[in-house]
Amino acid sequence: MAIAQLRSPNRDDGVMARIMWKTSKVMEDDTYGTYAKQAEELRIRAEVAQKVLTGSGEGGVIIAIDEKGNLDAGEEEDSYDALVPAYFR
């Protein structure tokens, strides 16, 4: 994350969005829920960055959604992977 912030100090780019999303997933898996608030904040920040980036034509759009209108876990990860060059994945 520190390297990504140095590379893009003025905005959350695709690499940062993917790092924030992945970090939030790890923090959510904490058994005791110690980091739930920080995980939620990171996830929201990653979602906002993803929407801004895909809205401006960066990355790709994953269209597959479930019956509730949400991306499943695999599709969600693919949507964040699309924001990052292949050699960073």
PDB file of N, CA and C in Angstrom:
ATOM      1  N   MET A   1       0.828  -1.189   0.000  1.00  0.00           N
ATOM      2  CA  MET A   1       0.000   0.000   0.000  1.00  0.00           C
ATOM      3  C   MET A   1       0.869   1.247   0.000  1.00  0.00           C
ATOM      4  N   ALA A   2       1.953   1.226   0.760  1.00  0.00           N
ATOM      5  CA  ALA A   2       2.840   2.384   0.818  1.00  0.00           C
ATOM      6  C   ALA A   2       3.438   2.686  -0.552  1.00  0.00           C
ATOM      7  N   ILE A   3       3.839   1.658  -1.279  1.00  0.00           N
ATOM      8  CA  ILE A   3       4.401   1.859  -2.613  1.00  0.00           C
ATOM      9  C   ILE A   3       3.326   2.383  -3.561  1.00  0.00           C
ATOM     10  N   ALA A   4       2.121   1.839  -3.479  1.00  0.00           N
ATOM     11  CA  ALA A   4       1.030   2.302  -4.336  1.00  0.00           C
ATOM     12  C   ALA A   4       0.695   3.767  -4.054  1.00  0.00           C
ATOM     13  N   GLN A   5       0.739   4.179  -2.797  1.00  0.00           N
ATOM     14  CA  GLN A   5       0.469   5.573  -2.450  1.00  0.00           C
ATOM     15  C   GLN A   5       1.566   6.493  -2.965  1.00  0.00           C
ATOM     16  N   LEU A   6       2.806   6.033  -2.965  1.00  0.00           N
ATOM     17  CA  LEU A   6       3.895   6.828  -3.521  1.00  0.00           C
ATOM     18  C   LEU A   6       3.761   6.977  -5.034  1.00  0.00           C
ATOM     19  N   ARG A   7       3.293   5.921  -5.687  1.00  0.00           N
ATOM     20  CA  ARG A   7       3.128   5.961  -7.142  1.00  0.00           C
ATOM     21  C   ARG A   7       1.951   6.830  -7.566  1.00  0.00           C
ATOM     22  N   SER A   8       0.943   6.924  -6.719  1.00  0.00           N
ATOM     23  CA  SER A   8      -0.251   7.704  -7.041  1.00  0.00           C
ATOM     24  C   SER A   8      -0.696   8.476  -5.800  1.00  0.00           C
ATOM     25  N   PRO A   9      -0.005   9.590  -5.477  1.00  0.00           N
ATOM     26  CA  PRO A   9      -0.284  10.289  -4.220  1.00  0.00           C
ATOM     27  C   PRO A   9      -1.585  11.103  -4.205  1.00  0.00           C
ATOM     28  N   ASN A  10      -2.120  11.432  -5.363  1.00  0.00           N
ATOM     29  CA  ASN A  10      -3.267  12.335  -5.420  1.00  0.00           C
ATOM     30  C   ASN A  10      -4.620  11.659  -5.576  1.00  0.00           C
ATOM     31  N   ARG A  11      -4.621  10.363  -5.829  1.00  0.00           N
ATOM     32  CA  ARG A  11      -5.903   9.673  -6.016  1.00  0.00           C
ATOM     33  C   ARG A  11      -5.740   8.192  -5.725  1.00  0.00           C
ATOM     34  N   ASP A  12      -6.854   7.542  -5.500  1.00  0.00           N
ATOM     35  CA  ASP A  12      -6.867   6.088  -5.323  1.00  0.00           C
ATOM     36  C   ASP A  12      -6.951   5.461  -6.703  1.00  0.00           C
ATOM     37  N   ASP A  13      -5.867   4.836  -7.148  1.00  0.00           N
ATOM     38  CA  ASP A  13      -5.871   4.198  -8.459  1.00  0.00           C
ATOM     39  C   ASP A  13      -6.301   2.738  -8.330  1.00  0.00           C
ATOM     40  N   GLY A  14      -6.237   2.002  -9.417  1.00  0.00           N
ATOM     41  CA  GLY A  14      -6.688   0.621  -9.419  1.00  0.00           C
ATOM     42  C   GLY A  14      -5.907  -0.277  -8.483  1.00  0.00           C
ATOM     43  N   VAL A  15      -4.598  -0.062  -8.427  1.00  0.00           N
ATOM     44  CA  VAL A  15      -3.764  -0.875  -7.540  1.00  0.00           C
ATOM     45  C   VAL A  15      -4.170  -0.634  -6.090  1.00  0.00           C
ATOM     46  N   MET A  16      -4.364   0.623  -5.728  1.00  0.00           N
ATOM     47  CA  MET A  16      -4.756   0.938  -4.354  1.00  0.00           C
ATOM     48  C   MET A  16      -6.141   0.383  -4.037  1.00  0.00           C
ATOM     49  N   ALA A  17      -7.067   0.485  -4.983  1.00  0.00           N
ATOM     50  CA  ALA A  17      -8.419  -0.036  -4.756  1.00  0.00           C
ATOM     51  C   ALA A  17      -8.370  -1.537  -4.491  1.00  0.00           C
ATOM     52  N   ARG A  18      -7.571  -2.251  -5.277  1.00  0.00           N
ATOM     53  CA  ARG A  18      -7.465  -3.703  -5.087  1.00  0.00           C
ATOM     54  C   ARG A  18      -6.816  -4.029  -3.741  1.00  0.00           C
ATOM     55  N   ILE A  19      -5.775  -3.298  -3.375  1.00  0.00           N
ATOM     56  CA  ILE A  19      -5.113  -3.533  -2.088  1.00  0.00           C
ATOM     57  C   ILE A  19      -6.075  -3.258  -0.932  1.00  0.00           C
ATOM     58  N   MET A  20      -6.817  -2.161  -1.014  1.00  0.00           N
ATOM     59  CA  MET A  20      -7.768  -1.830   0.061  1.00  0.00           C
ATOM     60  C   MET A  20      -8.847  -2.892   0.176  1.00  0.00           C
ATOM     61  N   TRP A  21      -9.368  -3.357  -0.976  1.00  0.00           N
ATOM     62  CA  TRP A  21     -10.415  -4.379  -0.952  1.00  0.00           C
ATOM     63  C   TRP A  21      -9.887  -5.678  -0.347  1.00  0.00           C
ATOM     64  N   LYS A  22      -8.706  -6.099  -0.793  1.00  0.00           N
ATOM     65  CA  LYS A  22      -8.137  -7.357  -0.297  1.00  0.00           C
ATOM     66  C   LYS A  22      -7.814  -7.256   1.193  1.00  0.00           C
ATOM     67  N   THR A  23      -7.285  -6.117   1.628  1.00  0.00           N
ATOM     68  CA  THR A  23      -6.994  -5.914   3.044  1.00  0.00           C
ATOM     69  C   THR A  23      -8.270  -5.965   3.871  1.00  0.00           C
ATOM     70  N   SER A  24      -9.337  -5.352   3.356  1.00  0.00           N
ATOM     71  CA  SER A  24     -10.603  -5.375   4.100  1.00  0.00           C
ATOM     72  C   SER A  24     -11.140  -6.797   4.236  1.00  0.00           C
ATOM     73  N   LYS A  25     -10.963  -7.610   3.204  1.00  0.00           N
ATOM     74  CA  LYS A  25     -11.413  -9.006   3.274  1.00  0.00           C
ATOM     75  C   LYS A  25     -10.633  -9.780   4.342  1.00  0.00           C
ATOM     76  N   VAL A  26      -9.333  -9.549   4.417  1.00  0.00           N
ATOM     77  CA  VAL A  26      -8.510 -10.218   5.426  1.00  0.00           C
ATOM     78  C   VAL A  26      -8.925  -9.757   6.820  1.00  0.00           C
ATOM     79  N   MET A  27      -9.149  -8.457   6.981  1.00  0.00           N
ATOM     80  CA  MET A  27      -9.541  -7.920   8.283  1.00  0.00           C
ATOM     81  C   MET A  27     -10.923  -8.419   8.706  1.00  0.00           C
ATOM     82  N   GLU A  28     -11.831  -8.599   7.751  1.00  0.00           N
ATOM     83  CA  GLU A  28     -13.164  -9.116   8.067  1.00  0.00           C
ATOM     84  C   GLU A  28     -13.113 -10.556   8.553  1.00  0.00           C
ATOM     85  N   ASP A  29     -12.107 -11.300   8.127  1.00  0.00           N
ATOM     86  CA  ASP A  29     -11.973 -12.699   8.525  1.00  0.00           C
ATOM     87  C   ASP A  29     -11.418 -12.875   9.933  1.00  0.00           C
ATOM     88  N   ASP A  30     -11.090 -11.771  10.601  1.00  0.00           N
ATOM     89  CA  ASP A  30     -10.600 -11.846  11.979  1.00  0.00           C
ATOM     90  C   ASP A  30     -11.666 -12.508  12.845  1.00  0.00           C
ATOM     91  N   THR A  31     -11.288 -13.496  13.590  1.00  0.00           N
ATOM     92  CA  THR A  31     -12.219 -14.300  14.383  1.00  0.00           C
ATOM     93  C   THR A  31     -13.011 -13.483  15.390  1.00  0.00           C
ATOM     94  N   TYR A  32     -12.380 -12.522  16.014  1.00  0.00           N
ATOM     95  CA  TYR A  32     -13.030 -11.772  17.083  1.00  0.00           C
ATOM     96  C   TYR A  32     -13.692 -10.476  16.608  1.00  0.00           C
ATOM     97  N   GLY A  33     -13.571 -10.139  15.352  1.00  0.00           N
ATOM     98  CA  GLY A  33     -14.180  -8.921  14.838  1.00  0.00           C
ATOM     99  C   GLY A  33     -13.487  -7.654  15.299  1.00  0.00           C
ATOM    100  N   THR A  34     -12.240  -7.767  15.683  1.00  0.00           N
ATOM    101  CA  THR A  34     -11.486  -6.640  16.212  1.00  0.00           C
ATOM    102  C   THR A  34     -11.352  -5.511  15.197  1.00  0.00           C
ATOM    103  N   TYR A  35     -11.211  -5.864  13.938  1.00  0.00           N
ATOM    104  CA  TYR A  35     -10.945  -4.871  12.897  1.00  0.00           C
ATOM    105  C   TYR A  35     -12.150  -4.610  11.999  1.00  0.00           C
ATOM    106  N   ALA A  36     -13.336  -4.902  12.465  1.00  0.00           N
ATOM    107  CA  ALA A  36     -14.532  -4.784  11.639  1.00  0.00           C
ATOM    108  C   ALA A  36     -14.754  -3.357  11.150  1.00  0.00           C
ATOM    109  N   LYS A  37     -14.575  -2.371  12.011  1.00  0.00           N
ATOM    110  CA  LYS A  37     -14.805  -0.981  11.617  1.00  0.00           C
ATOM    111  C   LYS A  37     -13.791  -0.536  10.568  1.00  0.00           C
ATOM    112  N   GLN A  38     -12.513  -0.860  10.780  1.00  0.00           N
ATOM    113  CA  GLN A  38     -11.495  -0.482   9.804  1.00  0.00           C
ATOM    114  C   GLN A  38     -11.711  -1.218   8.474  1.00  0.00           C
ATOM    115  N   ALA A  39     -12.134  -2.468   8.553  1.00  0.00           N
ATOM    116  CA  ALA A  39     -12.395  -3.244   7.345  1.00  0.00           C
ATOM    117  C   ALA A  39     -13.539  -2.622   6.548  1.00  0.00           C
ATOM    118  N   GLU A  40     -14.576  -2.203   7.237  1.00  0.00           N
ATOM    119  CA  GLU A  40     -15.714  -1.568   6.567  1.00  0.00           C
ATOM    120  C   GLU A  40     -15.292  -0.264   5.895  1.00  0.00           C
ATOM    121  N   GLU A  41     -14.486   0.537   6.581  1.00  0.00           N
ATOM    122  CA  GLU A  41     -14.016   1.800   6.004  1.00  0.00           C
ATOM    123  C   GLU A  41     -13.159   1.567   4.769  1.00  0.00           C
ATOM    124  N   LEU A  42     -12.268   0.573   4.826  1.00  0.00           N
ATOM    125  CA  LEU A  42     -11.439   0.252   3.665  1.00  0.00           C
ATOM    126  C   LEU A  42     -12.266  -0.266   2.506  1.00  0.00           C
ATOM    127  N   ARG A  43     -13.249  -1.109   2.809  1.00  0.00           N
ATOM    128  CA  ARG A  43     -14.094  -1.665   1.751  1.00  0.00           C
ATOM    129  C   ARG A  43     -14.884  -0.566   1.056  1.00  0.00           C
ATOM    130  N   ILE A  44     -15.427   0.364   1.829  1.00  0.00           N
ATOM    131  CA  ILE A  44     -16.184   1.471   1.245  1.00  0.00           C
ATOM    132  C   ILE A  44     -15.285   2.341   0.374  1.00  0.00           C
ATOM    133  N   ARG A  45     -14.087   2.641   0.878  1.00  0.00           N
ATOM    134  CA  ARG A  45     -13.137   3.450   0.102  1.00  0.00           C
ATOM    135  C   ARG A  45     -12.754   2.735  -1.191  1.00  0.00           C
ATOM    136  N   ALA A  46     -12.565   1.417  -1.132  1.00  0.00           N
ATOM    137  CA  ALA A  46     -12.232   0.639  -2.326  1.00  0.00           C
ATOM    138  C   ALA A  46     -13.389   0.644  -3.317  1.00  0.00           C
ATOM    139  N   GLU A  47     -14.619   0.510  -2.826  1.00  0.00           N
ATOM    140  CA  GLU A  47     -15.788   0.526  -3.710  1.00  0.00           C
ATOM    141  C   GLU A  47     -15.943   1.867  -4.408  1.00  0.00           C
ATOM    142  N   VAL A  48     -15.734   2.951  -3.668  1.00  0.00           N
ATOM    143  CA  VAL A  48     -15.829   4.285  -4.266  1.00  0.00           C
ATOM    144  C   VAL A  48     -14.767   4.446  -5.348  1.00  0.00           C
ATOM    145  N   ALA A  49     -13.541   4.045  -5.034  1.00  0.00           N
ATOM    146  CA  ALA A  49     -12.455   4.141  -6.010  1.00  0.00           C
ATOM    147  C   ALA A  49     -12.766   3.306  -7.245  1.00  0.00           C
ATOM    148  N   GLN A  50     -13.291   2.108  -7.038  1.00  0.00           N
ATOM    149  CA  GLN A  50     -13.629   1.237  -8.165  1.00  0.00           C
ATOM    150  C   GLN A  50     -14.692   1.875  -9.055  1.00  0.00           C
ATOM    151  N   LYS A  51     -15.708   2.451  -8.451  1.00  0.00           N
ATOM    152  CA  LYS A  51     -16.776   3.075  -9.244  1.00  0.00           C
ATOM    153  C   LYS A  51     -16.262   4.279 -10.021  1.00  0.00           C
ATOM    154  N   VAL A  52     -15.409   5.078  -9.397  1.00  0.00           N
ATOM    155  CA  VAL A  52     -14.831   6.234 -10.085  1.00  0.00           C
ATOM    156  C   VAL A  52     -13.965   5.775 -11.259  1.00  0.00           C
ATOM    157  N   LEU A  53     -13.144   4.767 -11.018  1.00  0.00           N
ATOM    158  CA  LEU A  53     -12.248   4.280 -12.063  1.00  0.00           C
ATOM    159  C   LEU A  53     -13.003   3.643 -13.222  1.00  0.00           C
ATOM    160  N   THR A  54     -13.961   2.786 -12.925  1.00  0.00           N
ATOM    161  CA  THR A  54     -14.717   2.157 -14.012  1.00  0.00           C
ATOM    162  C   THR A  54     -15.596   3.175 -14.721  1.00  0.00           C
ATOM    163  N   GLY A  55     -16.071   4.188 -14.003  1.00  0.00           N
ATOM    164  CA  GLY A  55     -16.858   5.247 -14.621  1.00  0.00           C
ATOM    165  C   GLY A  55     -16.048   6.098 -15.584  1.00  0.00           C
ATOM    166  N   SER A  56     -14.747   6.186 -15.340  1.00  0.00           N
ATOM    167  CA  SER A  56     -13.885   6.970 -16.225  1.00  0.00           C
ATOM    168  C   SER A  56     -13.221   6.103 -17.294  1.00  0.00           C
ATOM    169  N   GLY A  57     -13.609   4.838 -17.370  1.00  0.00           N
ATOM    170  CA  GLY A  57     -13.123   3.965 -18.432  1.00  0.00           C
ATOM    171  C   GLY A  57     -11.896   3.151 -18.093  1.00  0.00           C
ATOM    172  N   GLU A  58     -11.434   3.201 -16.864  1.00  0.00           N
ATOM    173  CA  GLU A  58     -10.289   2.387 -16.471  1.00  0.00           C
ATOM    174  C   GLU A  58     -10.788   1.031 -16.005  1.00  0.00           C
ATOM    175  N   GLY A  59      -9.978   0.016 -16.206  1.00  0.00           N
ATOM    176  CA  GLY A  59     -10.368  -1.318 -15.761  1.00  0.00           C
ATOM    177  C   GLY A  59     -11.450  -1.890 -16.640  1.00  0.00           C
ATOM    178  N   GLY A  60     -12.078  -2.920 -16.162  1.00  0.00           N
ATOM    179  CA  GLY A  60     -13.147  -3.566 -16.895  1.00  0.00           C
ATOM    180  C   GLY A  60     -14.371  -3.695 -16.030  1.00  0.00           C
ATOM    181  N   VAL A  61     -15.483  -3.949 -16.652  1.00  0.00           N
ATOM    182  CA  VAL A  61     -16.733  -4.101 -15.915  1.00  0.00           C
ATOM    183  C   VAL A  61     -17.112  -5.572 -15.920  1.00  0.00           C
ATOM    184  N   ILE A  62     -17.413  -6.108 -14.759  1.00  0.00           N
ATOM    185  CA  ILE A  62     -17.875  -7.484 -14.625  1.00  0.00           C
ATOM    186  C   ILE A  62     -19.394  -7.426 -14.517  1.00  0.00           C
ATOM    187  N   ILE A  63     -20.075  -8.098 -15.428  1.00  0.00           N
ATOM    188  CA  ILE A  63     -21.527  -7.972 -15.507  1.00  0.00           C
ATOM    189  C   ILE A  63     -22.271  -9.041 -14.716  1.00  0.00           C
ATOM    190  N   ALA A  64     -21.660 -10.165 -14.439  1.00  0.00           N
ATOM    191  CA  ALA A  64     -22.333 -11.272 -13.759  1.00  0.00           C
ATOM    192  C   ALA A  64     -22.695 -10.889 -12.324  1.00  0.00           C
ATOM    193  N   ILE A  65     -24.004 -10.921 -12.032  1.00  0.00           N
ATOM    194  CA  ILE A  65     -24.489 -10.637 -10.685  1.00  0.00           C
ATOM    195  C   ILE A  65     -25.448 -11.743 -10.267  1.00  0.00           C
ATOM    196  N   ASP A  66     -25.636 -11.895  -8.959  1.00  0.00           N
ATOM    197  CA  ASP A  66     -26.557 -12.910  -8.486  1.00  0.00           C
ATOM    198  C   ASP A  66     -27.980 -12.352  -8.457  1.00  0.00           C
ATOM    199  N   GLU A  67     -28.910 -13.166  -7.963  1.00  0.00           N
ATOM    200  CA  GLU A  67     -30.322 -12.768  -7.961  1.00  0.00           C
ATOM    201  C   GLU A  67     -30.623 -11.579  -7.055  1.00  0.00           C
ATOM    202  N   LYS A  68     -29.734 -11.276  -6.106  1.00  0.00           N
ATOM    203  CA  LYS A  68     -29.926 -10.136  -5.210  1.00  0.00           C
ATOM    204  C   LYS A  68     -29.291  -8.861  -5.769  1.00  0.00           C
ATOM    205  N   GLY A  69     -28.633  -8.975  -6.902  1.00  0.00           N
ATOM    206  CA  GLY A  69     -27.981  -7.814  -7.496  1.00  0.00           C
ATOM    207  C   GLY A  69     -26.570  -7.581  -7.008  1.00  0.00           C
ATOM    208  N   ASN A  70     -25.998  -8.556  -6.300  1.00  0.00           N
ATOM    209  CA  ASN A  70     -24.639  -8.426  -5.773  1.00  0.00           C
ATOM    210  C   ASN A  70     -23.692  -9.311  -6.569  1.00  0.00           C
ATOM    211  N   LEU A  71     -22.432  -8.917  -6.588  1.00  0.00           N
ATOM    212  CA  LEU A  71     -21.410  -9.767  -7.189  1.00  0.00           C
ATOM    213  C   LEU A  71     -21.074 -10.880  -6.211  1.00  0.00           C
ATOM    214  N   ASP A  72     -20.892 -12.100  -6.724  1.00  0.00           N
ATOM    215  CA  ASP A  72     -20.448 -13.152  -5.814  1.00  0.00           C
ATOM    216  C   ASP A  72     -18.960 -12.967  -5.535  1.00  0.00           C
ATOM    217  N   ALA A  73     -18.412 -13.728  -4.615  1.00  0.00           N
ATOM    218  CA  ALA A  73     -17.032 -13.520  -4.156  1.00  0.00           C
ATOM    219  C   ALA A  73     -16.036 -13.598  -5.308  1.00  0.00           C
ATOM    220  N   GLY A  74     -16.180 -14.555  -6.182  1.00  0.00           N
ATOM    221  CA  GLY A  74     -15.258 -14.693  -7.310  1.00  0.00           C
ATOM    222  C   GLY A  74     -15.377 -13.552  -8.293  1.00  0.00           C
ATOM    223  N   GLU A  75     -16.583 -13.154  -8.586  1.00  0.00           N
ATOM    224  CA  GLU A  75     -16.799 -12.058  -9.527  1.00  0.00           C
ATOM    225  C   GLU A  75     -16.326 -10.736  -8.930  1.00  0.00           C
ATOM    226  N   GLU A  76     -16.514 -10.575  -7.629  1.00  0.00           N
ATOM    227  CA  GLU A  76     -16.059  -9.352  -6.976  1.00  0.00           C
ATOM    228  C   GLU A  76     -14.539  -9.242  -7.066  1.00  0.00           C
ATOM    229  N   GLU A  77     -13.854 -10.343  -6.819  1.00  0.00           N
ATOM    230  CA  GLU A  77     -12.395 -10.330  -6.924  1.00  0.00           C
ATOM    231  C   GLU A  77     -11.964 -10.052  -8.355  1.00  0.00           C
ATOM    232  N   ASP A  78     -12.642 -10.642  -9.326  1.00  0.00           N
ATOM    233  CA  ASP A  78     -12.323 -10.391 -10.731  1.00  0.00           C
ATOM    234  C   ASP A  78     -12.521  -8.927 -11.096  1.00  0.00           C
ATOM    235  N   SER A  79     -13.541  -8.288 -10.507  1.00  0.00           N
ATOM    236  CA  SER A  79     -13.785  -6.885 -10.823  1.00  0.00           C
ATOM    237  C   SER A  79     -12.661  -5.994 -10.302  1.00  0.00           C
ATOM    238  N   TYR A  80     -12.069  -6.336  -9.160  1.00  0.00           N
ATOM    239  CA  TYR A  80     -10.925  -5.578  -8.651  1.00  0.00           C
ATOM    240  C   TYR A  80      -9.645  -5.942  -9.400  1.00  0.00           C
ATOM    241  N   ASP A  81      -9.515  -7.204  -9.824  1.00  0.00           N
ATOM    242  CA  ASP A  81      -8.366  -7.607 -10.618  1.00  0.00           C
ATOM    243  C   ASP A  81      -8.325  -6.860 -11.953  1.00  0.00           C
ATOM    244  N   ALA A  82      -9.483  -6.549 -12.491  1.00  0.00           N
ATOM    245  CA  ALA A  82      -9.549  -5.840 -13.782  1.00  0.00           C
ATOM    246  C   ALA A  82      -9.001  -4.425 -13.684  1.00  0.00           C
ATOM    247  N   LEU A  83      -8.873  -3.885 -12.482  1.00  0.00           N
ATOM    248  CA  LEU A  83      -8.348  -2.531 -12.295  1.00  0.00           C
ATOM    249  C   LEU A  83      -6.822  -2.496 -12.295  1.00  0.00           C
ATOM    250  N   VAL A  84      -6.186  -3.672 -12.245  1.00  0.00           N
ATOM    251  CA  VAL A  84      -4.742  -3.772 -12.055  1.00  0.00           C
ATOM    252  C   VAL A  84      -4.125  -4.404 -13.287  1.00  0.00           C
ATOM    253  N   PRO A  85      -2.953  -3.916 -13.730  1.00  0.00           N
ATOM    254  CA  PRO A  85      -2.262  -4.588 -14.836  1.00  0.00           C
ATOM    255  C   PRO A  85      -1.985  -6.050 -14.490  1.00  0.00           C
ATOM    256  N   ALA A  86      -2.000  -6.896 -15.489  1.00  0.00           N
ATOM    257  CA  ALA A  86      -1.869  -8.340 -15.277  1.00  0.00           C
ATOM    258  C   ALA A  86      -0.608  -8.716 -14.513  1.00  0.00           C
ATOM    259  N   TYR A  87       0.473  -8.009 -14.690  1.00  0.00           N
ATOM    260  CA  TYR A  87       1.714  -8.392 -14.008  1.00  0.00           C
ATOM    261  C   TYR A  87       1.709  -8.052 -12.521  1.00  0.00           C
ATOM    262  N   PHE A  88       0.711  -7.319 -12.029  1.00  0.00           N
ATOM    263  CA  PHE A  88       0.581  -7.036 -10.595  1.00  0.00           C
ATOM    264  C   PHE A  88      -0.326  -8.041  -9.894  1.00  0.00           C
ATOM    265  N   ARG A  89      -1.037  -8.870 -10.626  1.00  0.00           N
ATOM    266  CA  ARG A  89      -2.015  -9.772 -10.020  1.00  0.00           C
ATOM    267  C   ARG A  89      -1.376 -10.959  -9.378  1.00  0.00           C
TER     268      ARG A  89
END
